[in-house]
C-alpha atoms as a PDB file:
ATOM      1  CA  MET A   1      80.590  64.816 114.524  1.00  0.00           C
ATOM      2  CA  ASN A   2      77.604  67.110 114.886  1.00  0.00           C
ATOM      3  CA  LEU A   3      78.321  69.510 112.035  1.00  0.00           C
ATOM      4  CA  ASN A   4      75.606  71.971 113.071  1.00  0.00           C
ATOM      5  CA  ASN A   5      77.235  72.400 116.483  1.00  0.00           C
ATOM      6  CA  GLU A   6      80.627  72.948 114.859  1.00  0.00           C
ATOM      7  CA  ILE A   7      79.104  75.589 112.572  1.00  0.00           C
ATOM      8  CA  LYS A   8      77.555  77.360 115.578  1.00  0.00           C
ATOM      9  CA  THR A   9      81.002  77.502 117.186  1.00  0.00           C
ATOM     10  CA  ALA A  10      82.520  78.982 114.031  1.00  0.00           C
ATOM     11  CA  ILE A  11      79.722  81.558 113.757  1.00  0.00           C
ATOM     12  CA  LYS A  12      80.386  82.656 117.328  1.00  0.00           C
ATOM     13  CA  ALA A  13      84.099  82.926 116.595  1.00  0.00           C
ATOM     14  CA  ALA A  14      83.595  84.837 113.332  1.00  0.00           C
ATOM     15  CA  GLU A  15      81.105  87.312 114.760  1.00  0.00           C
ATOM     16  CA  SER A  16      83.170  87.889 117.901  1.00  0.00           C
ATOM     17  CA  SER A  17      86.336  88.586 115.922  1.00  0.00           C
ATOM     18  CA  GLY A  18      84.443  90.782 113.459  1.00  0.00           C
ATOM     19  CA  LYS A  19      83.152  92.877 116.353  1.00  0.00           C
ATOM     20  CA  LEU A  20      86.709  93.127 117.675  1.00  0.00           C
ATOM     21  CA  LEU A  21      88.034  94.267 114.297  1.00  0.00           C
ATOM     22  CA  LEU A  22      85.397  96.998 114.077  1.00  0.00           C
ATOM     23  CA  GLU A  23      85.394  98.291 117.637  1.00  0.00           C
ATOM     24  CA  ARG A  24      89.167  98.349 118.116  1.00  0.00           C
ATOM     25  CA  LYS A  25      90.210  99.311 114.621  1.00  0.00           C
ATOM     26  CA  SER A  26      92.159 102.410 115.616  1.00  0.00           C
ATOM     27  CA  GLU A  27      94.297 100.232 117.891  1.00  0.00           C
ATOM     28  CA  LEU A  28      94.552  97.181 115.623  1.00  0.00           C
ATOM     29  CA  ASN A  29      95.221  98.930 112.320  1.00  0.00           C
ATOM     30  CA  LYS A  30      98.980  98.958 112.937  1.00  0.00           C
ATOM     31  CA  ALA A  31     101.434  97.415 110.489  1.00  0.00           C
ATOM     32  CA  THR A  32     103.769  94.578 111.418  1.00  0.00           C
ATOM     33  CA  PRO A  33     106.904  93.587 109.431  1.00  0.00           C
ATOM     34  CA  SER A  34     106.004  91.900 106.127  1.00  0.00           C
ATOM     35  CA  SER A  35     107.137  91.483 102.537  1.00  0.00           C
ATOM     36  CA  SER A  36     106.979  94.476 100.216  1.00  0.00           C
ATOM     37  CA  LYS A  37     103.650  93.577  98.605  1.00  0.00           C
ATOM     38  CA  ASP A  38     101.957  91.826 101.524  1.00  0.00           C
ATOM     39  CA  VAL A  39     100.184  93.708 104.315  1.00  0.00           C
ATOM     40  CA  LYS A  40     100.117  92.400 107.890  1.00  0.00           C
ATOM     41  CA  LEU A  41      98.505  94.199 110.785  1.00  0.00           C
ATOM     42  CA  LYS A  42      98.124  93.797 114.505  1.00  0.00           C
ATOM     43  CA  ALA A  43      94.484  93.120 113.602  1.00  0.00           C
ATOM     44  CA  ASP A  44      95.367  89.802 111.930  1.00  0.00           C
ATOM     45  CA  ILE A  45      97.021  88.432 115.069  1.00  0.00           C
ATOM     46  CA  SER A  46      94.399  89.726 117.520  1.00  0.00           C
ATOM     47  CA  SER A  47      91.525  88.360 115.452  1.00  0.00           C
ATOM     48  CA  GLU A  48      93.218  84.986 115.036  1.00  0.00           C
ATOM     49  CA  ASN A  49      93.922  84.674 118.759  1.00  0.00           C
ATOM     50  CA  LEU A  50      90.265  85.293 119.598  1.00  0.00           C
ATOM     51  CA  ILE A  51      89.019  82.844 116.969  1.00  0.00           C
ATOM     52  CA  LYS A  52      91.366  80.127 118.195  1.00  0.00           C
ATOM     53  CA  GLU A  53      90.369  80.713 121.804  1.00  0.00           C
ATOM     54  CA  ILE A  54      86.675  80.218 120.985  1.00  0.00           C
ATOM     55  CA  ILE A  55      87.228  77.190 118.747  1.00  0.00           C
ATOM     56  CA  ILE A  56      89.566  75.461 121.204  1.00  0.00           C
ATOM     57  CA  SER A  57      87.015  75.989 123.992  1.00  0.00           C
ATOM     58  CA  ASN A  58      84.139  74.498 122.004  1.00  0.00           C
ATOM     59  CA  SER A  59      85.563  72.034 119.464  1.00  0.00           C
ATOM     60  CA  ASP A  60      87.861  69.006 119.543  1.00  0.00           C
ATOM     61  CA  TYR A  61      89.365  69.590 116.104  1.00  0.00           C
ATOM     62  CA  PRO A  62      92.814  71.104 115.446  1.00  0.00           C
ATOM     63  CA  ILE A  63      93.383  74.346 113.587  1.00  0.00           C
ATOM     64  CA  LEU A  64      95.399  75.511 110.582  1.00  0.00           C
ATOM     65  CA  ALA A  65      95.560  79.301 110.839  1.00  0.00           C
ATOM     66  CA  GLU A  66      97.137  81.890 108.569  1.00  0.00           C
ATOM     67  CA  GLU A  67      99.282  83.623 111.162  1.00  0.00           C
ATOM     68  CA  THR A  68     100.246  80.821 113.560  1.00  0.00           C
ATOM     69  CA  GLY A  69     100.126  77.731 111.366  1.00  0.00           C
ATOM     70  CA  LYS A  70      99.141  74.293 112.657  1.00  0.00           C
ATOM     71  CA  SER A  71      97.928  73.789 116.224  1.00  0.00           C
ATOM     72  CA  ASN A  72      99.018  70.127 115.952  1.00  0.00           C
ATOM     73  CA  GLU A  73     101.787  68.732 113.781  1.00  0.00           C
ATOM     74  CA  ASN A  74      99.333  66.096 112.565  1.00  0.00           C
ATOM     75  CA  LEU A  75      96.067  67.811 111.720  1.00  0.00           C
ATOM     76  CA  GLY A  76      94.254  64.539 111.061  1.00  0.00           C
ATOM     77  CA  GLU A  77      91.247  64.016 108.817  1.00  0.00           C
ATOM     78  CA  ILE A  78      89.119  66.872 110.181  1.00  0.00           C
ATOM     79  CA  PHE A  79      90.469  70.311 110.997  1.00  0.00           C
ATOM     80  CA  TRP A  80      89.604  73.990 110.998  1.00  0.00           C
ATOM     81  CA  VAL A  81      91.135  76.468 108.562  1.00  0.00           C
ATOM     82  CA  VAL A  82      91.177  80.083 109.727  1.00  0.00           C
ATOM     83  CA  ASP A  83      91.781  83.366 107.937  1.00  0.00           C
ATOM     84  CA  PRO A  84      91.310  85.953 110.685  1.00  0.00           C
ATOM     85  CA  LEU A  85      91.136  88.908 108.286  1.00  0.00           C
ATOM     86  CA  ASP A  86      90.805  88.345 104.568  1.00  0.00           C
ATOM     87  CA  GLY A  87      91.359  91.596 102.727  1.00  0.00           C
ATOM     88  CA  THR A  88      93.871  93.069 105.160  1.00  0.00           C
ATOM     89  CA  ALA A  89      94.994  95.789 102.732  1.00  0.00           C
ATOM     90  CA  ASN A  90      91.358  96.867 102.299  1.00  0.00           C
ATOM     91  CA  TYR A  91      90.867  96.980 106.068  1.00  0.00           C
ATOM     92  CA  ASN A  92      94.051  99.016 106.420  1.00  0.00           C
ATOM     93  CA  ARG A  93      92.869 101.654 103.923  1.00  0.00           C
ATOM     94  CA  ASP A  94      89.195 101.721 104.990  1.00  0.00           C
ATOM     95  CA  ILE A  95      87.932  99.946 101.887  1.00  0.00           C
ATOM     96  CA  PRO A  96      84.873  98.094 103.285  1.00  0.00           C
ATOM     97  CA  MET A  97      85.555  94.809 101.536  1.00  0.00           C
ATOM     98  CA  CYS A  98      87.087  92.401 104.033  1.00  0.00           C
ATOM     99  CA  CYS A  99      85.907  89.631 106.311  1.00  0.00           C
ATOM    100  CA  VAL A 100      86.598  86.838 108.761  1.00  0.00           C
ATOM    101  CA  SER A 101      86.759  83.396 107.137  1.00  0.00           C
ATOM    102  CA  ILE A 102      86.531  80.035 108.944  1.00  0.00           C
ATOM    103  CA  GLY A 103      86.262  76.674 107.206  1.00  0.00           C
ATOM    104  CA  LEU A 104      86.134  73.030 108.269  1.00  0.00           C
ATOM    105  CA  VAL A 105      87.632  70.300 106.102  1.00  0.00           C
ATOM    106  CA  HIS A 106      87.294  66.514 106.109  1.00  0.00           C
ATOM    107  CA  ASN A 107      89.941  64.637 104.146  1.00  0.00           C
ATOM    108  CA  MET A 108      90.881  67.991 102.553  1.00  0.00           C
ATOM    109  CA  ARG A 109      87.303  68.508 101.329  1.00  0.00           C
ATOM    110  CA  PRO A 110      85.626  71.682 102.603  1.00  0.00           C
ATOM    111  CA  ILE A 111      82.479  70.631 104.473  1.00  0.00           C
ATOM    112  CA  ALA A 112      81.513  73.888 106.191  1.00  0.00           C
ATOM    113  CA  GLY A 113      82.229  77.557 105.658  1.00  0.00           C
ATOM    114  CA  ILE A 114      81.492  80.630 107.730  1.00  0.00           C
ATOM    115  CA  ILE A 115      82.356  84.078 106.365  1.00  0.00           C
ATOM    116  CA  TYR A 116      81.487  87.251 108.240  1.00  0.00           C
ATOM    117  CA  ASP A 117      81.541  90.539 106.332  1.00  0.00           C
ATOM    118  CA  PHE A 118      81.701  92.624 109.498  1.00  0.00           C
ATOM    119  CA  ASN A 119      81.530  96.014 107.772  1.00  0.00           C
ATOM    120  CA  ASN A 120      78.049  95.188 106.499  1.00  0.00           C
ATOM    121  CA  ASP A 121      77.007  92.727 109.224  1.00  0.00           C
ATOM    122  CA  ASP A 122      76.583  90.035 106.556  1.00  0.00           C
ATOM    123  CA  LEU A 123      77.000  86.407 107.594  1.00  0.00           C
ATOM    124  CA  TYR A 124      77.448  83.725 104.931  1.00  0.00           C
ATOM    125  CA  VAL A 125      77.218  80.079 106.007  1.00  0.00           C
ATOM    126  CA  GLY A 126      77.597  76.922 103.957  1.00  0.00           C
ATOM    127  CA  ASN A 127      76.905  73.358 105.093  1.00  0.00           C
ATOM    128  CA  ASN A 128      78.286  71.179 102.327  1.00  0.00           C
ATOM    129  CA  GLU A 129      76.895  67.995 103.875  1.00  0.00           C
ATOM    130  CA  ASN A 130      73.251  68.983 103.482  1.00  0.00           C
ATOM    131  CA  LYS A 131      73.920  71.441 100.622  1.00  0.00           C
ATOM    132  CA  THR A 132      72.507  74.488 102.383  1.00  0.00           C
ATOM    133  CA  ALA A 133      73.985  77.961 101.940  1.00  0.00           C
ATOM    134  CA  THR A 134      72.643  81.103 103.574  1.00  0.00           C
ATOM    135  CA  HIS A 135      73.210  84.832 103.725  1.00  0.00           C
ATOM    136  CA  ASN A 136      71.862  86.235 107.005  1.00  0.00           C
ATOM    137  CA  ASP A 137      69.771  83.059 107.404  1.00  0.00           C
ATOM    138  CA  LYS A 138      68.170  83.394 103.963  1.00  0.00           C
ATOM    139  CA  GLU A 139      69.000  80.637 101.481  1.00  0.00           C
ATOM    140  CA  ILE A 140      71.209  81.610  98.553  1.00  0.00           C
ATOM    141  CA  CYS A 141      72.136  79.948  95.285  1.00  0.00           C
ATOM    142  CA  VAL A 142      74.493  80.521  92.386  1.00  0.00           C
ATOM    143  CA  SER A 143      73.483  82.273  89.167  1.00  0.00           C
ATOM    144  CA  LYS A 144      72.216  80.593  86.025  1.00  0.00           C
ATOM    145  CA  VAL A 145      74.425  82.564  83.621  1.00  0.00           C
ATOM    146  CA  ASP A 146      75.964  80.124  81.155  1.00  0.00           C
ATOM    147  CA  GLN A 147      77.967  82.332  78.791  1.00  0.00           C
ATOM    148  CA  LYS A 148      81.117  84.312  79.576  1.00  0.00           C
ATOM    149  CA  THR A 149      79.841  87.104  77.341  1.00  0.00           C
ATOM    150  CA  ASP A 150      76.985  87.584  79.837  1.00  0.00           C
ATOM    151  CA  GLY A 151      78.996  86.831  82.956  1.00  0.00           C
ATOM    152  CA  ILE A 152      81.038  88.526  85.657  1.00  0.00           C
ATOM    153  CA  LEU A 153      84.510  87.202  86.429  1.00  0.00           C
ATOM    154  CA  ILE A 154      86.021  87.969  89.826  1.00  0.00           C
ATOM    155  CA  THR A 155      89.769  87.574  90.096  1.00  0.00           C
ATOM    156  CA  GLY A 156      92.795  88.973  91.868  1.00  0.00           C
ATOM    157  CA  LEU A 157      96.544  89.396  91.942  1.00  0.00           C
ATOM    158  CA  PRO A 158      98.135  87.837  95.055  1.00  0.00           C
ATOM    159  CA  HIS A 159     101.234  89.584  96.414  1.00  0.00           C
ATOM    160  CA  ASN A 160     103.565  87.067  94.731  1.00  0.00           C
ATOM    161  CA  THR A 161     101.797  87.060  91.351  1.00  0.00           C
ATOM    162  CA  ASP A 162     103.753  86.272  88.196  1.00  0.00           C
ATOM    163  CA  TYR A 163     103.880  89.663  86.446  1.00  0.00           C
ATOM    164  CA  SER A 164     105.775  88.424  83.395  1.00  0.00           C
ATOM    165  CA  ASP A 165     104.586  89.593  79.982  1.00  0.00           C
ATOM    166  CA  GLU A 166     103.471  86.062  79.082  1.00  0.00           C
ATOM    167  CA  ALA A 167     101.447  85.561  82.285  1.00  0.00           C
ATOM    168  CA  LEU A 168      99.777  88.966  82.070  1.00  0.00           C
ATOM    169  CA  LYS A 169      98.945  88.520  78.376  1.00  0.00           C
ATOM    170  CA  LYS A 170      97.278  85.176  79.122  1.00  0.00           C
ATOM    171  CA  MET A 171      95.255  86.738  81.937  1.00  0.00           C
ATOM    172  CA  LEU A 172      94.167  89.708  79.812  1.00  0.00           C
ATOM    173  CA  ASN A 173      93.126  87.467  76.936  1.00  0.00           C
ATOM    174  CA  ASP A 174      90.847  85.559  79.306  1.00  0.00           C
ATOM    175  CA  MET A 175      89.430  88.754  80.808  1.00  0.00           C
ATOM    176  CA  GLN A 176      88.425  90.000  77.373  1.00  0.00           C
ATOM    177  CA  THR A 177      86.042  87.052  76.943  1.00  0.00           C
ATOM    178  CA  TRP A 178      83.881  88.189  79.883  1.00  0.00           C
ATOM    179  CA  LYS A 179      81.188  90.856  80.009  1.00  0.00           C
ATOM    180  CA  LYS A 180      82.663  92.364  83.178  1.00  0.00           C
ATOM    181  CA  VAL A 181      85.699  91.729  85.405  1.00  0.00           C
ATOM    182  CA  ARG A 182      86.021  92.647  89.073  1.00  0.00           C
ATOM    183  CA  MET A 183      89.014  92.654  91.462  1.00  0.00           C
ATOM    184  CA  ILE A 184      87.890  93.205  95.044  1.00  0.00           C
ATOM    185  CA  GLY A 185      90.893  92.239  97.170  1.00  0.00           C
ATOM    186  CA  SER A 186      89.236  89.467  99.183  1.00  0.00           C
ATOM    187  CA  ALA A 187      89.087  85.867  98.008  1.00  0.00           C
ATOM    188  CA  ALA A 188      86.554  84.977 100.683  1.00  0.00           C
ATOM    189  CA  MET A 189      84.177  87.770  99.674  1.00  0.00           C
ATOM    190  CA  ALA A 190      84.616  86.834  96.011  1.00  0.00           C
ATOM    191  CA  SER A 191      83.482  83.319  96.918  1.00  0.00           C
ATOM    192  CA  CYS A 192      80.402  84.679  98.684  1.00  0.00           C
ATOM    193  CA  TYR A 193      79.522  86.746  95.631  1.00  0.00           C
ATOM    194  CA  VAL A 194      79.649  83.656  93.414  1.00  0.00           C
ATOM    195  CA  ALA A 195      77.604  81.659  95.937  1.00  0.00           C
ATOM    196  CA  SER A 196      74.910  84.339  96.065  1.00  0.00           C
ATOM    197  CA  GLY A 197      74.764  84.962  92.311  1.00  0.00           C
ATOM    198  CA  LYS A 198      76.430  88.377  92.308  1.00  0.00           C
ATOM    199  CA  GLY A 199      79.299  87.003  90.216  1.00  0.00           C
ATOM    200  CA  ASP A 200      79.535  83.929  88.024  1.00  0.00           C
ATOM    201  CA  LEU A 201      83.129  82.726  88.383  1.00  0.00           C
ATOM    202  CA  TYR A 202      86.016  83.451  90.717  1.00  0.00           C
ATOM    203  CA  GLN A 203      89.466  82.391  89.530  1.00  0.00           C
ATOM    204  CA  GLU A 204      92.866  83.070  91.070  1.00  0.00           C
ATOM    205  CA  ASN A 205      96.257  81.396  91.060  1.00  0.00           C
ATOM    206  CA  GLY A 206      98.691  81.358  93.963  1.00  0.00           C
ATOM    207  CA  ILE A 207      96.088  82.158  96.611  1.00  0.00           C
ATOM    208  CA  TYR A 208      96.388  80.510 100.018  1.00  0.00           C
ATOM    209  CA  PHE A 209      94.306  77.604 101.307  1.00  0.00           C
ATOM    210  CA  TRP A 210      92.986  79.595 104.291  1.00  0.00           C
ATOM    211  CA  ASP A 211      91.739  82.334 101.955  1.00  0.00           C
ATOM    212  CA  ILE A 212      89.377  80.029 100.097  1.00  0.00           C
ATOM    213  CA  VAL A 213      88.354  76.983 102.190  1.00  0.00           C
ATOM    214  CA  ALA A 214      85.254  78.553 103.743  1.00  0.00           C
ATOM    215  CA  GLY A 215      84.267  80.054 100.404  1.00  0.00           C
ATOM    216  CA  ALA A 216      84.626  76.702  98.655  1.00  0.00           C
ATOM    217  CA  ALA A 217      82.172  75.103 101.078  1.00  0.00           C
ATOM    218  CA  ILE A 218      79.687  77.944 100.657  1.00  0.00           C
ATOM    219  CA  VAL A 219      79.894  77.901  96.843  1.00  0.00           C
ATOM    220  CA  GLU A 220      79.349  74.139  96.669  1.00  0.00           C
ATOM    221  CA  ALA A 221      76.511  74.286  99.201  1.00  0.00           C
ATOM    222  CA  ALA A 222      74.880  76.975  97.021  1.00  0.00           C
ATOM    223  CA  GLY A 223      74.929  74.676  93.982  1.00  0.00           C
ATOM    224  CA  GLY A 224      78.204  75.771  92.430  1.00  0.00           C
ATOM    225  CA  SER A 225      81.521  74.123  91.676  1.00  0.00           C
ATOM    226  CA  ALA A 226      84.671  74.780  93.728  1.00  0.00           C
ATOM    227  CA  LYS A 227      87.919  73.423  92.315  1.00  0.00           C
ATOM    228  CA  ILE A 228      91.052  73.681  94.471  1.00  0.00           C
ATOM    229  CA  LEU A 229      94.127  72.742  92.443  1.00  0.00           C
ATOM    230  CA  ASN A 230      97.916  72.461  92.637  1.00  0.00           C
ATOM    231  CA  MET A 231      98.405  72.711  96.396  1.00  0.00           C
ATOM    232  CA  GLN A 232     101.997  73.538  97.336  1.00  0.00           C
ATOM    233  CA  ASP A 233     103.840  72.732 100.559  1.00  0.00           C
ATOM    234  CA  ASN A 234     103.229  76.292 101.774  1.00  0.00           C
ATOM    235  CA  TYR A 235      99.456  75.853 101.176  1.00  0.00           C
ATOM    236  CA  GLN A 236      99.315  77.979  98.041  1.00  0.00           C
ATOM    237  CA  VAL A 237      96.646  76.799  95.610  1.00  0.00           C
ATOM    238  CA  ASP A 238      94.950  77.681  92.344  1.00  0.00           C
ATOM    239  CA  VAL A 239      91.158  77.969  92.442  1.00  0.00           C
ATOM    240  CA  ILE A 240      88.210  78.055  90.080  1.00  0.00           C
ATOM    241  CA  PHE A 241      84.854  78.638  91.781  1.00  0.00           C
ATOM    242  CA  SER A 242      81.884  78.872  89.439  1.00  0.00           C
ATOM    243  CA  ASN A 243      78.128  78.638  89.193  1.00  0.00           C
ATOM    244  CA  SER A 244      78.818  75.269  87.461  1.00  0.00           C
ATOM    245  CA  GLN A 245      77.226  76.641  84.274  1.00  0.00           C
ATOM    246  CA  ILE A 246      80.375  78.374  82.974  1.00  0.00           C
END
């Protein structure tokens, strides 16, 4: 495998779908049936279809995508993981904090990540084989903050979060140990912020694999630690991405 060529394919797919999401937003920002707390739009499907078309035309590896699932029943050792629009609710309400996220995994280890913040024309790329992470072609690295009392925690509440008193109390107790806490509504963008030193740790339970694969590769390539834990049959996972100092 020539990983650089695969990354170029993913960049083309991410930028093309990001352009689509911007230029045709009035058409694509239409809701489709979904659960009460989840938001699904025509944009998710249209973006995913374009990404898959570009990847299939330029890469031999199968795809696990948020909207359409597995392209092959057996994904094999190496496959793409696609989130066509991470932060759909933000996109829907014109909150400019959403992105296209494409990752490549080998034996379930993220080896490349491409995240395109199309609202700001910001491209984050991580090559976890040669440990290189970039933001618009400039190398990035994680922060050196080593104390929670000086650090920024980024977290979130997925649509099927446990809102019990016990779970919320545990979460609030942890939040109180940090200097600042941010919830931004996009796991992929949270990962980019940790990778580029804007935040120090991103932690979330019950997030989906496609939300965080690309970000995991970028964080690790930028010198951080990306732990993906407790994967369920439906691809839900718990994650802790940090600067490796906290």
